[in-house]
N, C-alpha and C. Protein backbone atom coordinates (compact mmCIF):
# COMPACT_ATOMS: atom_id res chain seq x y z
N UNK A 1 -52.27 83.84 28.65
CA UNK A 1 -53.05 83.01 29.59
C UNK A 1 -54.01 82.17 28.95
N UNK A 2 -54.08 80.87 29.19
CA UNK A 2 -55.06 80.03 28.52
C UNK A 2 -56.52 80.32 28.90
N UNK A 3 -57.35 80.24 28.01
CA UNK A 3 -58.82 80.35 28.19
C UNK A 3 -59.41 78.98 28.43
N UNK A 4 -60.03 78.78 29.58
CA UNK A 4 -60.60 77.40 29.81
C UNK A 4 -62.05 77.55 29.87
N UNK A 5 -62.73 76.53 29.46
CA UNK A 5 -64.16 76.49 29.50
C UNK A 5 -64.67 75.74 30.71
N UNK A 6 -65.79 76.14 31.23
CA UNK A 6 -66.34 75.33 32.39
C UNK A 6 -67.22 74.20 31.85
N UNK A 7 -67.60 73.36 32.71
CA UNK A 7 -68.39 72.18 32.32
C UNK A 7 -69.68 72.58 31.64
N UNK A 8 -70.39 73.60 32.10
CA UNK A 8 -71.66 74.00 31.45
C UNK A 8 -71.41 74.44 30.04
N UNK A 9 -70.28 75.15 29.76
CA UNK A 9 -69.98 75.53 28.30
C UNK A 9 -69.80 74.34 27.45
N UNK A 10 -69.02 73.40 27.98
CA UNK A 10 -68.73 72.22 27.18
C UNK A 10 -69.98 71.40 26.93
N UNK A 11 -70.75 71.23 27.99
CA UNK A 11 -72.12 70.57 27.86
C UNK A 11 -72.98 71.24 26.80
N UNK A 12 -72.98 72.62 26.86
CA UNK A 12 -73.87 73.39 25.86
C UNK A 12 -73.31 73.09 24.45
N UNK A 13 -72.09 73.03 24.30
CA UNK A 13 -71.47 72.87 22.91
C UNK A 13 -71.92 71.42 22.47
N UNK A 14 -71.76 70.44 23.40
CA UNK A 14 -72.06 69.06 23.00
C UNK A 14 -73.59 68.88 22.79
N UNK A 15 -74.44 69.64 23.46
CA UNK A 15 -75.86 69.54 23.27
C UNK A 15 -76.34 70.32 22.04
N UNK A 16 -75.84 71.59 21.85
CA UNK A 16 -76.34 72.50 20.91
C UNK A 16 -75.55 72.60 19.57
N UNK A 17 -74.24 72.19 19.59
CA UNK A 17 -73.41 72.27 18.51
C UNK A 17 -72.73 73.65 18.28
N UNK A 18 -72.93 74.53 19.14
CA UNK A 18 -72.22 75.85 19.08
C UNK A 18 -71.97 76.37 20.46
N UNK A 19 -71.11 77.40 20.59
CA UNK A 19 -70.90 78.04 21.82
C UNK A 19 -70.32 79.42 21.54
N UNK A 20 -70.74 80.46 22.22
CA UNK A 20 -70.20 81.79 22.16
C UNK A 20 -69.30 81.95 23.32
N UNK A 21 -68.07 82.38 23.08
CA UNK A 21 -67.16 82.56 24.23
C UNK A 21 -66.59 84.03 24.08
N UNK A 22 -66.74 84.75 25.16
CA UNK A 22 -66.31 86.18 25.14
C UNK A 22 -64.82 86.24 25.60
N UNK A 23 -64.18 87.33 25.17
CA UNK A 23 -62.93 87.68 25.47
C UNK A 23 -61.82 86.69 25.16
N UNK A 24 -61.99 86.07 23.95
CA UNK A 24 -60.99 85.23 23.40
C UNK A 24 -59.86 86.13 22.93
N UNK A 25 -60.21 87.24 22.23
CA UNK A 25 -59.20 88.16 21.79
C UNK A 25 -59.18 89.43 22.58
N UNK A 26 -58.08 90.10 22.65
CA UNK A 26 -58.05 91.25 23.39
C UNK A 26 -58.61 92.42 22.58
N UNK A 27 -58.91 93.54 23.22
CA UNK A 27 -59.48 94.75 22.46
C UNK A 27 -58.52 95.13 21.41
N UNK A 28 -57.18 95.09 21.68
CA UNK A 28 -56.23 95.51 20.64
C UNK A 28 -56.26 94.60 19.51
N UNK A 29 -56.34 93.29 19.67
CA UNK A 29 -56.50 92.31 18.61
C UNK A 29 -57.73 92.53 17.84
N UNK A 30 -58.75 92.82 18.41
CA UNK A 30 -60.08 93.05 17.72
C UNK A 30 -59.96 94.34 16.92
N UNK A 31 -59.35 95.38 17.45
CA UNK A 31 -59.24 96.67 16.76
C UNK A 31 -58.35 96.43 15.54
N UNK A 32 -57.24 95.62 15.63
CA UNK A 32 -56.41 95.43 14.51
C UNK A 32 -57.08 94.65 13.41
N UNK A 33 -57.94 93.71 13.78
CA UNK A 33 -58.66 92.87 12.79
C UNK A 33 -59.69 93.80 12.15
N UNK A 34 -60.33 94.69 12.80
CA UNK A 34 -61.26 95.60 12.22
C UNK A 34 -60.63 96.54 11.20
N UNK A 35 -59.44 97.03 11.67
CA UNK A 35 -58.63 97.91 10.73
C UNK A 35 -58.17 97.16 9.48
N UNK A 36 -57.72 96.07 9.64
CA UNK A 36 -57.29 95.22 8.46
C UNK A 36 -58.39 94.90 7.55
N UNK A 37 -59.55 94.62 8.12
CA UNK A 37 -60.68 94.33 7.32
C UNK A 37 -61.19 95.54 6.55
N UNK A 38 -61.21 96.69 7.22
CA UNK A 38 -61.46 97.96 6.52
C UNK A 38 -60.46 98.18 5.35
N UNK A 39 -59.18 97.88 5.53
CA UNK A 39 -58.26 97.99 4.44
C UNK A 39 -58.64 97.16 3.30
N UNK A 40 -59.06 95.93 3.58
CA UNK A 40 -59.55 94.99 2.50
C UNK A 40 -60.76 95.54 1.79
N UNK A 41 -61.71 96.14 2.47
CA UNK A 41 -62.90 96.76 1.81
C UNK A 41 -62.36 97.84 0.96
N UNK A 42 -61.46 98.67 1.38
CA UNK A 42 -60.90 99.72 0.53
C UNK A 42 -60.27 99.17 -0.72
N UNK A 43 -59.45 98.12 -0.57
CA UNK A 43 -58.86 97.48 -1.74
C UNK A 43 -59.87 96.94 -2.76
N UNK A 44 -61.00 96.44 -2.21
CA UNK A 44 -61.95 95.86 -3.06
C UNK A 44 -62.76 96.76 -3.89
N UNK A 45 -62.69 98.04 -3.58
CA UNK A 45 -63.37 99.06 -4.34
C UNK A 45 -62.83 99.19 -5.81
N UNK A 46 -61.62 98.71 -5.94
CA UNK A 46 -60.98 98.73 -7.26
C UNK A 46 -61.27 97.61 -8.17
N UNK A 47 -62.06 96.65 -7.61
CA UNK A 47 -62.44 95.45 -8.43
C UNK A 47 -63.88 95.56 -8.95
N UNK A 48 -64.07 95.08 -10.14
CA UNK A 48 -65.39 95.02 -10.78
C UNK A 48 -65.99 93.63 -10.90
N UNK A 49 -65.19 92.66 -10.39
CA UNK A 49 -65.65 91.22 -10.47
C UNK A 49 -64.92 90.49 -9.28
N UNK A 50 -65.37 89.20 -9.10
CA UNK A 50 -64.69 88.45 -8.08
C UNK A 50 -63.15 88.19 -8.50
N UNK A 51 -62.37 87.96 -7.55
CA UNK A 51 -60.97 87.74 -7.64
C UNK A 51 -60.65 86.51 -6.88
N UNK A 52 -59.29 86.19 -6.85
CA UNK A 52 -58.82 85.10 -6.08
C UNK A 52 -58.85 85.39 -4.59
N UNK A 53 -59.03 86.69 -4.24
CA UNK A 53 -59.05 87.14 -2.83
C UNK A 53 -60.43 87.59 -2.44
N UNK A 54 -61.17 88.31 -3.40
CA UNK A 54 -62.40 88.94 -3.01
C UNK A 54 -63.59 88.25 -3.72
N UNK A 55 -64.71 88.16 -2.98
CA UNK A 55 -65.99 87.97 -3.60
C UNK A 55 -66.75 89.31 -3.27
N UNK A 56 -67.13 89.99 -4.35
CA UNK A 56 -67.80 91.25 -4.11
C UNK A 56 -69.32 91.10 -4.42
N UNK A 57 -70.07 91.89 -3.83
CA UNK A 57 -71.62 91.78 -3.84
C UNK A 57 -72.09 92.59 -4.92
N UNK A 58 -72.13 92.07 -6.20
CA UNK A 58 -72.58 92.70 -7.35
C UNK A 58 -73.98 93.08 -7.33
N UNK A 59 -74.81 92.11 -6.78
CA UNK A 59 -76.31 92.34 -6.63
C UNK A 59 -76.61 93.54 -5.78
N UNK A 60 -75.85 93.76 -4.79
CA UNK A 60 -76.07 94.95 -3.85
C UNK A 60 -75.44 96.22 -4.45
N UNK A 61 -74.83 96.19 -5.53
CA UNK A 61 -74.39 97.43 -6.20
C UNK A 61 -72.93 97.81 -5.93
N UNK A 62 -72.14 96.85 -5.79
CA UNK A 62 -70.63 97.07 -5.52
C UNK A 62 -70.18 98.00 -6.60
N UNK A 63 -69.46 99.07 -6.20
CA UNK A 63 -68.81 99.94 -7.19
C UNK A 63 -67.63 100.57 -6.37
N UNK A 64 -66.89 101.40 -7.16
CA UNK A 64 -65.79 102.10 -6.53
C UNK A 64 -66.28 103.05 -5.47
N UNK A 65 -67.41 103.68 -5.67
CA UNK A 65 -67.94 104.67 -4.70
C UNK A 65 -68.60 103.99 -3.53
N UNK A 66 -69.15 102.78 -3.73
CA UNK A 66 -69.87 102.05 -2.60
C UNK A 66 -69.41 100.57 -2.63
N UNK A 67 -68.18 100.31 -2.08
CA UNK A 67 -67.67 98.90 -2.15
C UNK A 67 -68.50 98.06 -1.23
N UNK A 68 -68.87 96.82 -1.77
CA UNK A 68 -69.68 95.86 -1.04
C UNK A 68 -68.89 94.51 -1.11
N UNK A 69 -67.96 94.39 -0.24
CA UNK A 69 -67.17 93.25 -0.08
C UNK A 69 -67.89 92.21 0.62
N UNK A 70 -68.19 91.08 -0.07
CA UNK A 70 -68.91 89.97 0.54
C UNK A 70 -68.12 88.97 1.27
N UNK A 71 -66.93 88.68 0.70
CA UNK A 71 -66.01 87.65 1.36
C UNK A 71 -64.59 87.91 1.01
N UNK A 72 -63.79 87.64 2.04
CA UNK A 72 -62.27 87.58 1.80
C UNK A 72 -61.95 86.07 1.82
N UNK A 73 -61.40 85.68 0.69
CA UNK A 73 -60.97 84.20 0.64
C UNK A 73 -59.64 83.90 1.29
N UNK A 74 -59.58 82.96 2.11
CA UNK A 74 -58.28 82.67 2.78
C UNK A 74 -57.57 83.90 3.41
N UNK A 75 -58.27 84.69 4.22
CA UNK A 75 -57.69 85.84 4.71
C UNK A 75 -56.33 85.59 5.38
N UNK A 76 -56.14 84.52 6.06
CA UNK A 76 -54.90 84.19 6.75
C UNK A 76 -53.72 84.17 5.81
N UNK A 77 -54.03 84.00 4.54
CA UNK A 77 -52.92 84.00 3.54
C UNK A 77 -52.54 85.39 3.00
N UNK A 78 -53.41 86.36 3.32
CA UNK A 78 -53.26 87.68 2.77
C UNK A 78 -52.92 88.74 3.72
N UNK A 79 -52.95 88.42 5.05
CA UNK A 79 -52.55 89.35 6.04
C UNK A 79 -52.20 88.64 7.41
N UNK A 80 -51.06 89.03 7.92
CA UNK A 80 -50.54 88.31 9.14
C UNK A 80 -51.45 88.47 10.31
N UNK A 81 -52.27 89.52 10.40
CA UNK A 81 -53.24 89.69 11.50
C UNK A 81 -54.23 88.51 11.53
N UNK A 82 -54.70 88.20 10.42
CA UNK A 82 -55.68 87.07 10.29
C UNK A 82 -55.03 85.75 10.65
N UNK A 83 -53.81 85.58 10.22
CA UNK A 83 -52.94 84.36 10.52
C UNK A 83 -52.82 84.27 12.02
N UNK A 84 -52.45 85.30 12.64
CA UNK A 84 -52.27 85.32 14.10
C UNK A 84 -53.64 85.01 14.77
N UNK A 85 -54.64 85.53 14.32
CA UNK A 85 -55.92 85.36 14.90
C UNK A 85 -56.36 83.94 14.91
N UNK A 86 -56.16 83.16 13.80
CA UNK A 86 -56.62 81.77 13.76
C UNK A 86 -55.73 80.85 14.48
N UNK A 87 -54.46 81.32 14.79
CA UNK A 87 -53.53 80.54 15.53
C UNK A 87 -53.40 81.03 17.04
N UNK A 88 -54.29 81.84 17.45
CA UNK A 88 -54.27 82.49 18.77
C UNK A 88 -54.32 81.33 19.80
N UNK A 89 -53.35 81.23 20.75
CA UNK A 89 -53.37 80.15 21.70
C UNK A 89 -54.69 80.00 22.48
N UNK A 90 -55.34 81.17 22.92
CA UNK A 90 -56.63 81.17 23.59
C UNK A 90 -57.73 80.46 22.76
N UNK A 91 -57.77 80.75 21.46
CA UNK A 91 -58.65 80.06 20.64
C UNK A 91 -58.41 78.60 20.50
N UNK A 92 -57.07 78.27 20.30
CA UNK A 92 -56.73 76.85 20.13
C UNK A 92 -56.92 76.09 21.47
N UNK A 93 -56.79 76.64 22.56
CA UNK A 93 -57.16 76.00 23.87
C UNK A 93 -58.53 75.66 23.99
N UNK A 94 -59.46 76.57 23.45
CA UNK A 94 -60.87 76.38 23.55
C UNK A 94 -61.27 75.21 22.56
N UNK A 95 -60.68 75.30 21.39
CA UNK A 95 -60.97 74.24 20.40
C UNK A 95 -60.47 72.86 20.87
N UNK A 96 -59.33 72.81 21.48
CA UNK A 96 -58.90 71.57 22.04
C UNK A 96 -59.74 71.02 23.14
N UNK A 97 -60.32 71.89 23.95
CA UNK A 97 -61.27 71.44 24.92
C UNK A 97 -62.55 70.90 24.38
N UNK A 98 -62.98 71.42 23.20
CA UNK A 98 -64.21 71.00 22.62
C UNK A 98 -64.06 69.80 21.65
N UNK A 99 -62.97 69.80 20.95
CA UNK A 99 -62.90 68.68 19.87
C UNK A 99 -61.64 67.85 19.98
N UNK A 100 -60.82 68.09 20.96
CA UNK A 100 -59.55 67.36 21.14
C UNK A 100 -58.38 68.08 20.44
N UNK A 101 -57.25 67.41 20.60
CA UNK A 101 -55.93 68.11 20.16
C UNK A 101 -55.68 67.93 18.65
N UNK A 102 -56.38 67.02 17.94
CA UNK A 102 -56.07 66.81 16.54
C UNK A 102 -56.80 67.88 15.69
N UNK A 103 -56.35 69.13 15.82
CA UNK A 103 -57.05 70.25 15.06
C UNK A 103 -56.46 70.32 13.71
N UNK A 104 -57.28 70.39 12.66
CA UNK A 104 -56.84 70.49 11.35
C UNK A 104 -57.41 71.72 10.69
N UNK A 105 -56.63 72.33 9.81
CA UNK A 105 -57.03 73.53 9.06
C UNK A 105 -57.35 73.16 7.67
N UNK A 106 -58.58 73.52 7.20
CA UNK A 106 -58.98 73.22 5.87
C UNK A 106 -58.86 74.49 5.01
N UNK A 107 -59.53 75.53 5.40
CA UNK A 107 -59.47 76.84 4.79
C UNK A 107 -60.10 77.86 5.62
N UNK A 108 -59.97 79.16 5.22
CA UNK A 108 -60.61 80.23 5.96
C UNK A 108 -61.35 81.07 5.02
N UNK A 109 -62.29 81.74 5.53
CA UNK A 109 -62.98 82.78 4.75
C UNK A 109 -63.65 83.75 5.74
N UNK A 110 -63.81 84.99 5.38
CA UNK A 110 -64.33 86.01 6.25
C UNK A 110 -65.49 86.59 5.44
N UNK A 111 -66.72 86.25 5.85
CA UNK A 111 -67.93 86.77 5.24
C UNK A 111 -68.26 88.15 5.84
N UNK A 112 -68.66 89.11 5.00
CA UNK A 112 -69.06 90.47 5.44
C UNK A 112 -70.46 90.70 4.96
N UNK A 113 -71.05 91.66 5.59
CA UNK A 113 -72.37 92.17 5.28
C UNK A 113 -72.28 93.67 5.20
N UNK A 114 -72.14 94.22 4.00
CA UNK A 114 -71.93 95.61 3.80
C UNK A 114 -73.18 96.36 4.08
N UNK A 115 -73.04 97.63 4.56
CA UNK A 115 -74.32 98.45 4.74
C UNK A 115 -75.07 98.62 3.43
N UNK A 116 -76.32 98.39 3.37
CA UNK A 116 -77.09 98.48 2.18
C UNK A 116 -77.03 97.31 1.28
N UNK A 117 -76.27 96.28 1.70
CA UNK A 117 -76.12 95.18 0.83
C UNK A 117 -76.27 93.90 1.72
N UNK A 118 -75.68 92.87 1.24
CA UNK A 118 -75.67 91.61 2.05
C UNK A 118 -76.56 90.56 1.49
N UNK A 119 -76.09 89.94 0.45
CA UNK A 119 -76.79 88.76 -0.06
C UNK A 119 -76.66 87.69 1.05
N UNK A 120 -77.77 87.05 1.26
CA UNK A 120 -77.92 86.02 2.21
C UNK A 120 -77.07 84.73 1.83
N UNK A 121 -76.26 84.30 2.81
CA UNK A 121 -75.49 82.94 2.52
C UNK A 121 -76.25 81.97 3.37
N UNK A 122 -76.91 81.11 2.62
CA UNK A 122 -77.73 80.06 3.21
C UNK A 122 -76.83 79.08 3.89
N UNK A 123 -77.36 78.43 4.99
CA UNK A 123 -76.62 77.36 5.65
C UNK A 123 -76.40 76.24 4.68
N UNK A 124 -75.24 75.76 4.64
CA UNK A 124 -74.89 74.64 3.72
C UNK A 124 -73.78 73.80 4.24
N UNK A 125 -73.66 72.67 3.78
CA UNK A 125 -72.56 71.83 4.02
C UNK A 125 -71.94 71.37 2.79
N UNK A 126 -70.54 71.57 2.77
CA UNK A 126 -69.90 71.26 1.51
C UNK A 126 -68.73 70.36 1.85
N UNK A 127 -68.62 69.85 3.07
CA UNK A 127 -67.50 69.00 3.42
C UNK A 127 -67.52 67.77 2.51
N UNK A 128 -68.65 67.09 2.29
CA UNK A 128 -68.70 65.88 1.52
C UNK A 128 -68.25 66.09 0.06
N UNK A 129 -68.10 67.26 -0.41
CA UNK A 129 -67.71 67.53 -1.73
C UNK A 129 -66.31 67.99 -1.93
N UNK A 130 -65.57 67.89 -0.87
CA UNK A 130 -64.21 68.24 -0.88
C UNK A 130 -63.24 67.08 -0.50
N UNK A 131 -62.04 67.21 -0.93
CA UNK A 131 -61.12 66.02 -0.47
C UNK A 131 -60.64 66.36 0.87
N UNK A 132 -60.21 65.44 1.57
CA UNK A 132 -59.70 65.63 2.94
C UNK A 132 -58.57 66.61 3.02
N UNK A 133 -58.67 67.51 3.99
CA UNK A 133 -57.54 68.49 4.09
C UNK A 133 -56.18 67.93 4.57
N UNK A 134 -55.20 68.58 4.38
CA UNK A 134 -53.89 68.14 4.87
C UNK A 134 -53.82 68.54 6.30
N UNK A 135 -53.12 67.83 7.05
CA UNK A 135 -53.00 68.14 8.45
C UNK A 135 -51.94 69.15 8.67
N UNK A 136 -52.34 70.14 9.46
CA UNK A 136 -51.53 71.35 9.80
C UNK A 136 -51.29 71.35 11.32
N UNK A 137 -50.09 71.51 11.72
CA UNK A 137 -49.79 71.71 13.13
C UNK A 137 -50.17 73.13 13.59
N UNK A 138 -51.01 73.20 14.60
CA UNK A 138 -51.48 74.52 15.06
C UNK A 138 -50.73 75.11 16.26
N UNK A 139 -50.09 74.36 17.04
CA UNK A 139 -49.48 74.85 18.21
C UNK A 139 -47.95 74.74 18.07
């Protein structure tokens, strides 16, 4: 079932530059994403440095016993649950209402803040330092 925004939500997005929308994902989808993310945290405990998939939080004391996974790079490429989540028709319907139908995919990342860790990721813009993304069909 498509998720549609009301005029107030669209106006808020246009005014403030952000919008929180509830119930885009079902409880089962959220639970699956939580379980998959926990699996990635478990996998990261075997790493002692950053990899092509993981950024680990070394400053917060990442170790086998206390994994501190800071980021999963391009999670949609490493698990189908993430891929489905970013292509979810309810999400895409909302994006289309906000920015139009020419939706492009650049990359994905999932930032985590581990208990007892969590280096701050400052607000930044890096769009100007990257080449234009390739167009991907989302629907």
